Amino acid sequence: EYISAELKRLDATLQDLDEKQNSKKEAIFKVQQRIQSLQTGK
């Protein structure tokens, strides 16, 4: 029971971390696009 509960907790944590990772990747992509547009002068 204890191990199963820990696995569920770890799964929830992993899902949260995955969501945070995806939002960070999107934010990085947006910043890269802004840098690129500044560098091209557009």
PDB file of all heavy atoms in Angstrom:
ATOM      1  N   GLU A   1       0.841  -1.211   0.000  1.00  0.00           N
ATOM      2  CA  GLU A   1       0.000   0.000   0.000  1.00  0.00           C
ATOM      3  C   GLU A   1       0.870   1.251   0.000  1.00  0.00           C
ATOM      4  O   GLU A   1       0.612   2.193  -0.756  1.00  0.00           O
ATOM      5  CB  GLU A   1      -0.899   0.028   1.240  1.00  0.00           C
ATOM      6  CG  GLU A   1      -2.122  -0.834   1.159  1.00  0.00           C
ATOM      7  CD  GLU A   1      -2.949  -0.772   2.440  1.00  0.00           C
ATOM      8  OE1 GLU A   1      -2.999   0.313   3.076  1.00  0.00           O
ATOM      9  OE2 GLU A   1      -3.520  -1.802   2.806  1.00  0.00           O
ATOM     10  N   TYR A   2       1.875   1.271   0.870  1.00  0.00           N
ATOM     11  CA  TYR A   2       2.759   2.426   0.967  1.00  0.00           C
ATOM     12  C   TYR A   2       3.493   2.678  -0.354  1.00  0.00           C
ATOM     13  O   TYR A   2       3.532   3.811  -0.852  1.00  0.00           O
ATOM     14  CB  TYR A   2       3.777   2.227   2.099  1.00  0.00           C
ATOM     15  CG  TYR A   2       4.851   3.285   2.118  1.00  0.00           C
ATOM     16  CD1 TYR A   2       4.593   4.558   2.612  1.00  0.00           C
ATOM     17  CD2 TYR A   2       6.122   3.031   1.606  1.00  0.00           C
ATOM     18  CE1 TYR A   2       5.565   5.537   2.605  1.00  0.00           C
ATOM     19  CE2 TYR A   2       7.107   4.004   1.601  1.00  0.00           C
ATOM     20  CZ  TYR A   2       6.815   5.248   2.103  1.00  0.00           C
ATOM     21  OH  TYR A   2       7.777   6.225   2.077  1.00  0.00           O
ATOM     22  N   ILE A   3       4.052   1.624  -0.920  1.00  0.00           N
ATOM     23  CA  ILE A   3       4.804   1.764  -2.173  1.00  0.00           C
ATOM     24  C   ILE A   3       3.885   2.221  -3.294  1.00  0.00           C
ATOM     25  O   ILE A   3       4.242   3.096  -4.090  1.00  0.00           O
ATOM     26  CB  ILE A   3       5.522   0.441  -2.532  1.00  0.00           C
ATOM     27  CG1 ILE A   3       6.622   0.149  -1.507  1.00  0.00           C
ATOM     28  CG2 ILE A   3       6.119   0.506  -3.932  1.00  0.00           C
ATOM     29  CD1 ILE A   3       7.219  -1.247  -1.605  1.00  0.00           C
ATOM     30  N   SER A   4       2.675   1.679  -3.350  1.00  0.00           N
ATOM     31  CA  SER A   4       1.707   2.082  -4.377  1.00  0.00           C
ATOM     32  C   SER A   4       1.350   3.564  -4.236  1.00  0.00           C
ATOM     33  O   SER A   4       1.248   4.281  -5.230  1.00  0.00           O
ATOM     34  CB  SER A   4       0.445   1.230  -4.298  1.00  0.00           C
ATOM     35  OG  SER A   4       0.746  -0.117  -4.577  1.00  0.00           O
ATOM     36  N   ALA A   5       1.158   3.999  -2.988  1.00  0.00           N
ATOM     37  CA  ALA A   5       0.860   5.419  -2.746  1.00  0.00           C
ATOM     38  C   ALA A   5       2.026   6.305  -3.181  1.00  0.00           C
ATOM     39  O   ALA A   5       1.828   7.373  -3.775  1.00  0.00           O
ATOM     40  CB  ALA A   5       0.538   5.644  -1.270  1.00  0.00           C
ATOM     41  N   GLU A   6       3.246   5.858  -2.891  1.00  0.00           N
ATOM     42  CA  GLU A   6       4.430   6.624  -3.300  1.00  0.00           C
ATOM     43  C   GLU A   6       4.529   6.697  -4.830  1.00  0.00           C
ATOM     44  O   GLU A   6       4.881   7.734  -5.389  1.00  0.00           O
ATOM     45  CB  GLU A   6       5.705   6.013  -2.721  1.00  0.00           C
ATOM     46  CG  GLU A   6       5.930   6.332  -1.271  1.00  0.00           C
ATOM     47  CD  GLU A   6       6.076   7.820  -1.005  1.00  0.00           C
ATOM     48  OE1 GLU A   6       6.998   8.456  -1.558  1.00  0.00           O
ATOM     49  OE2 GLU A   6       5.268   8.351  -0.236  1.00  0.00           O
ATOM     50  N   LEU A   7       4.217   5.601  -5.501  1.00  0.00           N
ATOM     51  CA  LEU A   7       4.252   5.595  -6.971  1.00  0.00           C
ATOM     52  C   LEU A   7       3.220   6.568  -7.536  1.00  0.00           C
ATOM     53  O   LEU A   7       3.501   7.286  -8.501  1.00  0.00           O
ATOM     54  CB  LEU A   7       4.024   4.180  -7.512  1.00  0.00           C
ATOM     55  CG  LEU A   7       5.220   3.243  -7.409  1.00  0.00           C
ATOM     56  CD1 LEU A   7       4.820   1.817  -7.759  1.00  0.00           C
ATOM     57  CD2 LEU A   7       6.363   3.708  -8.298  1.00  0.00           C
ATOM     58  N   LYS A   8       2.035   6.616  -6.938  1.00  0.00           N
ATOM     59  CA  LYS A   8       1.011   7.566  -7.385  1.00  0.00           C
ATOM     60  C   LYS A   8       1.488   8.996  -7.177  1.00  0.00           C
ATOM     61  O   LYS A   8       1.292   9.861  -8.035  1.00  0.00           O
ATOM     62  CB  LYS A   8      -0.309   7.339  -6.639  1.00  0.00           C
ATOM     63  CG  LYS A   8      -1.072   6.129  -7.118  1.00  0.00           C
ATOM     64  CD  LYS A   8      -2.365   5.959  -6.354  1.00  0.00           C
ATOM     65  CE  LYS A   8      -3.055   4.665  -6.759  1.00  0.00           C
ATOM     66  NZ  LYS A   8      -4.232   4.381  -5.949  1.00  0.00           N
ATOM     67  N   ARG A   9       2.112   9.243  -6.028  1.00  0.00           N
ATOM     68  CA  ARG A   9       2.625  10.583  -5.739  1.00  0.00           C
ATOM     69  C   ARG A   9       3.710  10.965  -6.747  1.00  0.00           C
ATOM     70  O   ARG A   9       3.727  12.081  -7.268  1.00  0.00           O
ATOM     71  CB  ARG A   9       3.190  10.627  -4.315  1.00  0.00           C
ATOM     72  CG  ARG A   9       3.635  12.014  -3.868  1.00  0.00           C
ATOM     73  CD  ARG A   9       4.335  11.957  -2.519  1.00  0.00           C
ATOM     74  NE  ARG A   9       5.557  11.175  -2.539  1.00  0.00           N
ATOM     75  CZ  ARG A   9       6.728  11.611  -3.005  1.00  0.00           C
ATOM     76  NH1 ARG A   9       6.836  12.811  -3.527  1.00  0.00           N
ATOM     77  NH2 ARG A   9       7.799  10.833  -2.970  1.00  0.00           N
ATOM     78  N   LEU A  10       4.591  10.012  -7.037  1.00  0.00           N
ATOM     79  CA  LEU A  10       5.662  10.273  -8.003  1.00  0.00           C
ATOM     80  C   LEU A  10       5.092  10.528  -9.395  1.00  0.00           C
ATOM     81  O   LEU A  10       5.602  11.377 -10.135  1.00  0.00           O
ATOM     82  CB  LEU A  10       6.650   9.112  -8.038  1.00  0.00           C
ATOM     83  CG  LEU A  10       7.581   8.997  -6.842  1.00  0.00           C
ATOM     84  CD1 LEU A  10       8.316   7.667  -6.859  1.00  0.00           C
ATOM     85  CD2 LEU A  10       8.569  10.149  -6.812  1.00  0.00           C
ATOM     86  N   ASP A  11       4.040   9.793  -9.762  1.00  0.00           N
ATOM     87  CA  ASP A  11       3.398  10.010 -11.066  1.00  0.00           C
ATOM     88  C   ASP A  11       2.814  11.411 -11.162  1.00  0.00           C
ATOM     89  O   ASP A  11       2.940  12.087 -12.190  1.00  0.00           O
ATOM     90  CB  ASP A  11       2.310   8.967 -11.319  1.00  0.00           C
ATOM     91  CG  ASP A  11       2.888   7.600 -11.664  1.00  0.00           C
ATOM     92  OD1 ASP A  11       4.083   7.534 -12.037  1.00  0.00           O
ATOM     93  OD2 ASP A  11       2.145   6.605 -11.562  1.00  0.00           O
ATOM     94  N   ALA A  12       2.162  11.856 -10.076  1.00  0.00           N
ATOM     95  CA  ALA A  12       1.583  13.204 -10.057  1.00  0.00           C
ATOM     96  C   ALA A  12       2.685  14.254 -10.154  1.00  0.00           C
ATOM     97  O   ALA A  12       2.561  15.241 -10.899  1.00  0.00           O
ATOM     98  CB  ALA A  12       0.761  13.410  -8.787  1.00  0.00           C
ATOM     99  N   THR A  13       3.766  14.034  -9.440  1.00  0.00           N
ATOM    100  CA  THR A  13       4.905  14.962  -9.489  1.00  0.00           C
ATOM    101  C   THR A  13       5.505  14.993 -10.895  1.00  0.00           C
ATOM    102  O   THR A  13       5.827  16.066 -11.412  1.00  0.00           O
ATOM    103  CB  THR A  13       5.985  14.552  -8.464  1.00  0.00           C
ATOM    104  OG1 THR A  13       5.407  14.526  -7.170  1.00  0.00           O
ATOM    105  CG2 THR A  13       7.147  15.513  -8.474  1.00  0.00           C
ATOM    106  N   LEU A  14       5.633  13.826 -11.497  1.00  0.00           N
ATOM    107  CA  LEU A  14       6.190  13.740 -12.845  1.00  0.00           C
ATOM    108  C   LEU A  14       5.309  14.477 -13.852  1.00  0.00           C
ATOM    109  O   LEU A  14       5.813  15.197 -14.715  1.00  0.00           O
ATOM    110  CB  LEU A  14       6.365  12.279 -13.264  1.00  0.00           C
ATOM    111  CG  LEU A  14       6.982  12.045 -14.641  1.00  0.00           C
ATOM    112  CD1 LEU A  14       8.384  12.636 -14.712  1.00  0.00           C
ATOM    113  CD2 LEU A  14       7.016  10.564 -14.959  1.00  0.00           C
ATOM    114  N   GLN A  15       4.016  14.316 -13.722  1.00  0.00           N
ATOM    115  CA  GLN A  15       3.092  15.007 -14.628  1.00  0.00           C
ATOM    116  C   GLN A  15       3.242  16.523 -14.473  1.00  0.00           C
ATOM    117  O   GLN A  15       3.290  17.252 -15.462  1.00  0.00           O
ATOM    118  CB  GLN A  15       1.655  14.582 -14.330  1.00  0.00           C
ATOM    119  CG  GLN A  15       0.655  15.119 -15.328  1.00  0.00           C
ATOM    120  CD  GLN A  15      -0.746  14.586 -15.079  1.00  0.00           C
ATOM    121  OE1 GLN A  15      -0.995  13.867 -14.114  1.00  0.00           O
ATOM    122  NE2 GLN A  15      -1.662  14.941 -15.950  1.00  0.00           N
ATOM    123  N   ASP A  16       3.347  16.984 -13.227  1.00  0.00           N
ATOM    124  CA  ASP A  16       3.534  18.409 -12.959  1.00  0.00           C
ATOM    125  C   ASP A  16       4.853  18.903 -13.558  1.00  0.00           C
ATOM    126  O   ASP A  16       4.904  19.962 -14.198  1.00  0.00           O
ATOM    127  CB  ASP A  16       3.505  18.656 -11.449  1.00  0.00           C
ATOM    128  CG  ASP A  16       3.644  20.119 -11.091  1.00  0.00           C
ATOM    129  OD1 ASP A  16       2.898  20.942 -11.666  1.00  0.00           O
ATOM    130  OD2 ASP A  16       4.508  20.452 -10.243  1.00  0.00           O
ATOM    131  N   LEU A  17       5.917  18.125 -13.380  1.00  0.00           N
ATOM    132  CA  LEU A  17       7.222  18.502 -13.930  1.00  0.00           C
ATOM    133  C   LEU A  17       7.189  18.535 -15.461  1.00  0.00           C
ATOM    134  O   LEU A  17       7.798  19.418 -16.077  1.00  0.00           O
ATOM    135  CB  LEU A  17       8.310  17.536 -13.451  1.00  0.00           C
ATOM    136  CG  LEU A  17       8.724  17.644 -11.984  1.00  0.00           C
ATOM    137  CD1 LEU A  17       9.637  16.494 -11.603  1.00  0.00           C
ATOM    138  CD2 LEU A  17       9.402  18.968 -11.710  1.00  0.00           C
ATOM    139  N   ASP A  18       6.490  17.584 -16.064  1.00  0.00           N
ATOM    140  CA  ASP A  18       6.369  17.561 -17.528  1.00  0.00           C
ATOM    141  C   ASP A  18       5.650  18.813 -18.038  1.00  0.00           C
ATOM    142  O   ASP A  18       6.057  19.410 -19.037  1.00  0.00           O
ATOM    143  CB  ASP A  18       5.620  16.314 -17.991  1.00  0.00           C
ATOM    144  CG  ASP A  18       6.513  15.086 -18.051  1.00  0.00           C
ATOM    145  OD1 ASP A  18       7.755  15.253 -18.112  1.00  0.00           O
ATOM    146  OD2 ASP A  18       5.975  13.957 -18.041  1.00  0.00           O
ATOM    147  N   GLU A  19       4.586  19.204 -17.328  1.00  0.00           N
ATOM    148  CA  GLU A  19       3.856  20.412 -17.729  1.00  0.00           C
ATOM    149  C   GLU A  19       4.744  21.643 -17.602  1.00  0.00           C
ATOM    150  O   GLU A  19       4.757  22.500 -18.492  1.00  0.00           O
ATOM    151  CB  GLU A  19       2.594  20.563 -16.877  1.00  0.00           C
ATOM    152  CG  GLU A  19       1.524  19.535 -17.197  1.00  0.00           C
ATOM    153  CD  GLU A  19       0.379  19.517 -16.195  1.00  0.00           C
ATOM    154  OE1 GLU A  19       0.337  20.384 -15.301  1.00  0.00           O
ATOM    155  OE2 GLU A  19      -0.478  18.627 -16.319  1.00  0.00           O
ATOM    156  N   LYS A  20       5.484  21.722 -16.502  1.00  0.00           N
ATOM    157  CA  LYS A  20       6.406  22.854 -16.315  1.00  0.00           C
ATOM    158  C   LYS A  20       7.474  22.862 -17.404  1.00  0.00           C
ATOM    159  O   LYS A  20       7.832  23.919 -17.927  1.00  0.00           O
ATOM    160  CB  LYS A  20       7.070  22.785 -14.939  1.00  0.00           C
ATOM    161  CG  LYS A  20       6.158  23.155 -13.803  1.00  0.00           C
ATOM    162  CD  LYS A  20       6.891  23.051 -12.480  1.00  0.00           C
ATOM    163  CE  LYS A  20       5.992  23.396 -11.318  1.00  0.00           C
ATOM    164  NZ  LYS A  20       6.670  23.255 -10.019  1.00  0.00           N
ATOM    165  N   GLN A  21       7.988  21.668 -17.748  1.00  0.00           N
ATOM    166  CA  GLN A  21       9.017  21.569 -18.790  1.00  0.00           C
ATOM    167  C   GLN A  21       8.466  22.055 -20.130  1.00  0.00           C
ATOM    168  O   GLN A  21       9.141  22.800 -20.842  1.00  0.00           O
ATOM    169  CB  GLN A  21       9.498  20.127 -18.906  1.00  0.00           C
ATOM    170  CG  GLN A  21      10.525  19.911 -19.994  1.00  0.00           C
ATOM    171  CD  GLN A  21      10.987  18.468 -20.096  1.00  0.00           C
ATOM    172  OE1 GLN A  21      10.974  17.738 -19.124  1.00  0.00           O
ATOM    173  NE2 GLN A  21      11.382  18.049 -21.267  1.00  0.00           N
ATOM    174  N   ASN A  22       7.264  21.637 -20.461  1.00  0.00           N
ATOM    175  CA  ASN A  22       6.667  22.057 -21.732  1.00  0.00           C
ATOM    176  C   ASN A  22       6.448  23.569 -21.777  1.00  0.00           C
ATOM    177  O   ASN A  22       6.713  24.207 -22.801  1.00  0.00           O
ATOM    178  CB  ASN A  22       5.348  21.320 -21.975  1.00  0.00           C
ATOM    179  CG  ASN A  22       5.570  19.855 -22.280  1.00  0.00           C
ATOM    180  OD1 ASN A  22       6.639  19.458 -22.724  1.00  0.00           O
ATOM    181  ND2 ASN A  22       4.554  19.042 -22.027  1.00  0.00           N
ATOM    182  N   SER A  23       5.992  24.155 -20.668  1.00  0.00           N
ATOM    183  CA  SER A  23       5.787  25.605 -20.664  1.00  0.00           C
ATOM    184  C   SER A  23       7.121  26.348 -20.750  1.00  0.00           C
ATOM    185  O   SER A  23       7.213  27.396 -21.398  1.00  0.00           O
ATOM    186  CB  SER A  23       4.985  26.047 -19.440  1.00  0.00           C
ATOM    187  OG  SER A  23       5.728  25.892 -18.266  1.00  0.00           O
ATOM    188  N   LYS A  24       8.172  25.804 -20.123  1.00  0.00           N
ATOM    189  CA  LYS A  24       9.506  26.422 -20.228  1.00  0.00           C
ATOM    190  C   LYS A  24      10.012  26.366 -21.667  1.00  0.00           C
ATOM    191  O   LYS A  24      10.581  27.334 -22.173  1.00  0.00           O
ATOM    192  CB  LYS A  24      10.519  25.713 -19.319  1.00  0.00           C
ATOM    193  CG  LYS A  24      10.523  26.165 -17.909  1.00  0.00           C
ATOM    194  CD  LYS A  24      11.052  27.556 -17.761  1.00  0.00           C
ATOM    195  CE  LYS A  24      10.959  27.955 -16.308  1.00  0.00           C
ATOM    196  NZ  LYS A  24      10.806  29.367 -16.101  1.00  0.00           N
ATOM    197  N   LYS A  25       9.797  25.220 -22.321  1.00  0.00           N
ATOM    198  CA  LYS A  25      10.232  25.091 -23.710  1.00  0.00           C
ATOM    199  C   LYS A  25       9.514  26.104 -24.592  1.00  0.00           C
ATOM    200  O   LYS A  25      10.131  26.720 -25.472  1.00  0.00           O
ATOM    201  CB  LYS A  25       9.976  23.668 -24.221  1.00  0.00           C
ATOM    202  CG  LYS A  25      10.961  22.652 -23.699  1.00  0.00           C
ATOM    203  CD  LYS A  25      10.660  21.263 -24.246  1.00  0.00           C
ATOM    204  CE  LYS A  25      11.664  20.242 -23.756  1.00  0.00           C
ATOM    205  NZ  LYS A  25      11.386  18.879 -24.252  1.00  0.00           N
ATOM    206  N   GLU A  26       8.220  26.288 -24.359  1.00  0.00           N
ATOM    207  CA  GLU A  26       7.460  27.276 -25.133  1.00  0.00           C
ATOM    208  C   GLU A  26       7.995  28.677 -24.874  1.00  0.00           C
ATOM    209  O   GLU A  26       8.143  29.474 -25.812  1.00  0.00           O
ATOM    210  CB  GLU A  26       5.971  27.210 -24.768  1.00  0.00           C
ATOM    211  CG  GLU A  26       5.262  25.995 -25.320  1.00  0.00           C
ATOM    212  CD  GLU A  26       3.814  25.907 -24.855  1.00  0.00           C
ATOM    213  OE1 GLU A  26       3.200  26.959 -24.543  1.00  0.00           O
ATOM    214  OE2 GLU A  26       3.294  24.781 -24.796  1.00  0.00           O
ATOM    215  N   ALA A  27       8.268  28.994 -23.611  1.00  0.00           N
ATOM    216  CA  ALA A  27       8.787  30.320 -23.264  1.00  0.00           C
ATOM    217  C   ALA A  27      10.148  30.549 -23.917  1.00  0.00           C
ATOM    218  O   ALA A  27      10.412  31.638 -24.441  1.00  0.00           O
ATOM    219  CB  ALA A  27       8.890  30.458 -21.746  1.00  0.00           C
ATOM    220  N   ILE A  28      10.986  29.530 -23.918  1.00  0.00           N
ATOM    221  CA  ILE A  28      12.305  29.639 -24.555  1.00  0.00           C
ATOM    222  C   ILE A  28      12.143  29.871 -26.051  1.00  0.00           C
ATOM    223  O   ILE A  28      12.822  30.724 -26.632  1.00  0.00           O
ATOM    224  CB  ILE A  28      13.155  28.377 -24.270  1.00  0.00           C
ATOM    225  CG1 ILE A  28      13.624  28.377 -22.814  1.00  0.00           C
ATOM    226  CG2 ILE A  28      14.342  28.277 -25.215  1.00  0.00           C
ATOM    227  CD1 ILE A  28      14.311  27.098 -22.368  1.00  0.00           C
ATOM    228  N   PHE A  29      11.228  29.143 -26.667  1.00  0.00           N
ATOM    229  CA  PHE A  29      10.989  29.298 -28.096  1.00  0.00           C
ATOM    230  C   PHE A  29      10.543  30.723 -28.421  1.00  0.00           C
ATOM    231  O   PHE A  29      11.021  31.326 -29.392  1.00  0.00           O
ATOM    232  CB  PHE A  29       9.933  28.283 -28.560  1.00  0.00           C
ATOM    233  CG  PHE A  29       9.649  28.334 -30.029  1.00  0.00           C
ATOM    234  CD1 PHE A  29      10.603  27.920 -30.953  1.00  0.00           C
ATOM    235  CD2 PHE A  29       8.431  28.803 -30.497  1.00  0.00           C
ATOM    236  CE1 PHE A  29      10.351  27.973 -32.316  1.00  0.00           C
ATOM    237  CE2 PHE A  29       8.162  28.861 -31.853  1.00  0.00           C
ATOM    238  CZ  PHE A  29       9.125  28.452 -32.764  1.00  0.00           C
ATOM    239  N   LYS A  30       9.658  31.281 -27.609  1.00  0.00           N
ATOM    240  CA  LYS A  30       9.179  32.652 -27.832  1.00  0.00           C
ATOM    241  C   LYS A  30      10.317  33.663 -27.706  1.00  0.00           C
ATOM    242  O   LYS A  30      10.417  34.597 -28.500  1.00  0.00           O
ATOM    243  CB  LYS A  30       8.046  32.990 -26.871  1.00  0.00           C
ATOM    244  CG  LYS A  30       6.750  32.283 -27.208  1.00  0.00           C
ATOM    245  CD  LYS A  30       5.668  32.581 -26.198  1.00  0.00           C
ATOM    246  CE  LYS A  30       4.400  31.790 -26.535  1.00  0.00           C
ATOM    247  NZ  LYS A  30       3.356  31.968 -25.527  1.00  0.00           N
ATOM    248  N   VAL A  31      11.154  33.476 -26.690  1.00  0.00           N
ATOM    249  CA  VAL A  31      12.291  34.392 -26.505  1.00  0.00           C
ATOM    250  C   VAL A  31      13.255  34.268 -27.686  1.00  0.00           C
ATOM    251  O   VAL A  31      13.760  35.280 -28.192  1.00  0.00           O
ATOM    252  CB  VAL A  31      13.011  34.120 -25.158  1.00  0.00           C
ATOM    253  CG1 VAL A  31      14.308  34.911 -25.069  1.00  0.00           C
ATOM    254  CG2 VAL A  31      12.100  34.457 -23.986  1.00  0.00           C
ATOM    255  N   GLN A  32      13.490  33.040 -28.143  1.00  0.00           N
ATOM    256  CA  GLN A  32      14.372  32.843 -29.296  1.00  0.00           C
ATOM    257  C   GLN A  32      13.804  33.540 -30.537  1.00  0.00           C
ATOM    258  O   GLN A  32      14.553  34.150 -31.310  1.00  0.00           O
ATOM    259  CB  GLN A  32      14.551  31.348 -29.584  1.00  0.00           C
ATOM    260  CG  GLN A  32      15.467  30.652 -28.609  1.00  0.00           C
ATOM    261  CD  GLN A  32      15.512  29.144 -28.807  1.00  0.00           C
ATOM    262  OE1 GLN A  32      14.547  28.534 -29.259  1.00  0.00           O
ATOM    263  NE2 GLN A  32      16.634  28.532 -28.447  1.00  0.00           N
ATOM    264  N   GLN A  33      12.496  33.467 -30.712  1.00  0.00           N
ATOM    265  CA  GLN A  33      11.868  34.139 -31.857  1.00  0.00           C
ATOM    266  C   GLN A  33      12.034  35.652 -31.754  1.00  0.00           C
ATOM    267  O   GLN A  33      12.318  36.313 -32.753  1.00  0.00           O
ATOM    268  CB  GLN A  33      10.376  33.792 -31.933  1.00  0.00           C
ATOM    269  CG  GLN A  33      10.098  32.416 -32.477  1.00  0.00           C
ATOM    270  CD  GLN A  33       8.613  32.125 -32.552  1.00  0.00           C
ATOM    271  OE1 GLN A  33       7.840  32.534 -31.684  1.00  0.00           O
ATOM    272  NE2 GLN A  33       8.214  31.409 -33.592  1.00  0.00           N
ATOM    273  N   ARG A  34      11.872  36.205 -30.542  1.00  0.00           N
ATOM    274  CA  ARG A  34      12.026  37.651 -30.358  1.00  0.00           C
ATOM    275  C   ARG A  34      13.476  38.076 -30.622  1.00  0.00           C
ATOM    276  O   ARG A  34      13.721  39.105 -31.242  1.00  0.00           O
ATOM    277  CB  ARG A  34      11.584  38.053 -28.960  1.00  0.00           C
ATOM    278  CG  ARG A  34      10.053  37.995 -28.832  1.00  0.00           C
ATOM    279  CD  ARG A  34       9.544  38.151 -27.421  1.00  0.00           C
ATOM    280  NE  ARG A  34      10.051  39.322 -26.724  1.00  0.00           N
ATOM    281  CZ  ARG A  34      10.061  39.425 -25.399  1.00  0.00           C
ATOM    282  NH1 ARG A  34       9.620  38.435 -24.657  1.00  0.00           N
ATOM    283  NH2 ARG A  34      10.521  40.513 -24.819  1.00  0.00           N
ATOM    284  N   ILE A  35      14.420  37.250 -30.162  1.00  0.00           N
ATOM    285  CA  ILE A  35      15.838  37.557 -30.412  1.00  0.00           C
ATOM    286  C   ILE A  35      16.110  37.529 -31.916  1.00  0.00           C
ATOM    287  O   ILE A  35      16.769  38.420 -32.460  1.00  0.00           O
ATOM    288  CB  ILE A  35      16.759  36.555 -29.668  1.00  0.00           C
ATOM    289  CG1 ILE A  35      16.719  36.816 -28.171  1.00  0.00           C
ATOM    290  CG2 ILE A  35      18.187  36.641 -30.198  1.00  0.00           C
ATOM    291  CD1 ILE A  35      17.464  35.782 -27.333  1.00  0.00           C
ATOM    292  N   GLN A  36      15.584  36.515 -32.576  1.00  0.00           N
ATOM    293  CA  GLN A  36      15.794  36.378 -34.017  1.00  0.00           C
ATOM    294  C   GLN A  36      15.199  37.566 -34.780  1.00  0.00           C
ATOM    295  O   GLN A  36      15.808  38.108 -35.694  1.00  0.00           O
ATOM    296  CB  GLN A  36      15.162  35.074 -34.507  1.00  0.00           C
ATOM    297  CG  GLN A  36      15.747  34.549 -35.778  1.00  0.00           C
ATOM    298  CD  GLN A  36      15.247  33.128 -36.050  1.00  0.00           C
ATOM    299  OE1 GLN A  36      14.189  32.730 -35.578  1.00  0.00           O
ATOM    300  NE2 GLN A  36      16.018  32.370 -36.811  1.00  0.00           N
ATOM    301  N   SER A  37      13.989  37.982 -34.364  1.00  0.00           N
ATOM    302  CA  SER A  37      13.360  39.106 -35.059  1.00  0.00           C
ATOM    303  C   SER A  37      14.118  40.399 -34.793  1.00  0.00           C
ATOM    304  O   SER A  37      14.215  41.260 -35.688  1.00  0.00           O
ATOM    305  CB  SER A  37      11.890  39.245 -34.657  1.00  0.00           C
ATOM    306  OG  SER A  37      11.770  39.623 -33.305  1.00  0.00           O
ATOM    307  N   LEU A  38      14.704  40.554 -33.597  1.00  0.00           N
ATOM    308  CA  LEU A  38      15.510  41.755 -33.316  1.00  0.00           C
ATOM    309  C   LEU A  38      16.795  41.739 -34.149  1.00  0.00           C
ATOM    310  O   LEU A  38      17.250  42.774 -34.635  1.00  0.00           O
ATOM    311  CB  LEU A  38      15.865  41.830 -31.841  1.00  0.00           C
ATOM    312  CG  LEU A  38      14.848  42.453 -30.916  1.00  0.00           C
ATOM    313  CD1 LEU A  38      15.326  42.380 -29.468  1.00  0.00           C
ATOM    314  CD2 LEU A  38      14.549  43.896 -31.293  1.00  0.00           C
ATOM    315  N   GLN A  39      17.389  40.553 -34.284  1.00  0.00           N
ATOM    316  CA  GLN A  39      18.637  40.448 -35.021  1.00  0.00           C
ATOM    317  C   GLN A  39      18.431  40.692 -36.520  1.00  0.00           C
ATOM    318  O   GLN A  39      19.320  41.228 -37.178  1.00  0.00           O
ATOM    319  CB  GLN A  39      19.285  39.071 -34.809  1.00  0.00           C
ATOM    320  CG  GLN A  39      19.893  38.931 -33.425  1.00  0.00           C
ATOM    321  CD  GLN A  39      20.415  37.532 -33.161  1.00  0.00           C
ATOM    322  OE1 GLN A  39      19.993  36.570 -33.761  1.00  0.00           O
ATOM    323  NE2 GLN A  39      21.330  37.432 -32.193  1.00  0.00           N
ATOM    324  N   THR A  40      17.289  40.320 -37.041  1.00  0.00           N
ATOM    325  CA  THR A  40      17.040  40.544 -38.465  1.00  0.00           C
ATOM    326  C   THR A  40      16.515  41.956 -38.704  1.00  0.00           C
ATOM    327  O   THR A  40      16.379  42.374 -39.849  1.00  0.00           O
ATOM    328  CB  THR A  40      16.025  39.525 -39.015  1.00  0.00           C
ATOM    329  OG1 THR A  40      14.820  39.590 -38.268  1.00  0.00           O
ATOM    330  CG2 THR A  40      16.599  38.129 -38.986  1.00  0.00           C
ATOM    331  N   GLY A  41      16.187  42.659 -37.606  1.00  0.00           N
ATOM    332  CA  GLY A  41      15.746  44.033 -37.752  1.00  0.00           C
ATOM    333  C   GLY A  41      14.268  44.173 -38.058  1.00  0.00           C
ATOM    334  O   GLY A  41      13.772  45.274 -38.267  1.00  0.00           O
ATOM    335  N   LYS A  42      13.537  43.085 -38.093  1.00  0.00           N
ATOM    336  CA  LYS A  42      12.118  43.134 -38.414  1.00  0.00           C
ATOM    337  C   LYS A  42      11.265  43.428 -37.195  1.00  0.00           C
ATOM    338  O   LYS A  42      10.171  43.949 -37.301  1.00  0.00           O
ATOM    339  CB  LYS A  42      11.655  41.796 -39.021  1.00  0.00           C
ATOM    340  CG  LYS A  42      12.301  41.496 -40.350  1.00  0.00           C
ATOM    341  CD  LYS A  42      11.872  40.145 -40.855  1.00  0.00           C
ATOM    342  CE  LYS A  42      12.620  39.781 -42.132  1.00  0.00           C
ATOM    343  NZ  LYS A  42      12.344  38.412 -42.562  1.00  0.00           N
TER     344      LYS A  42
END
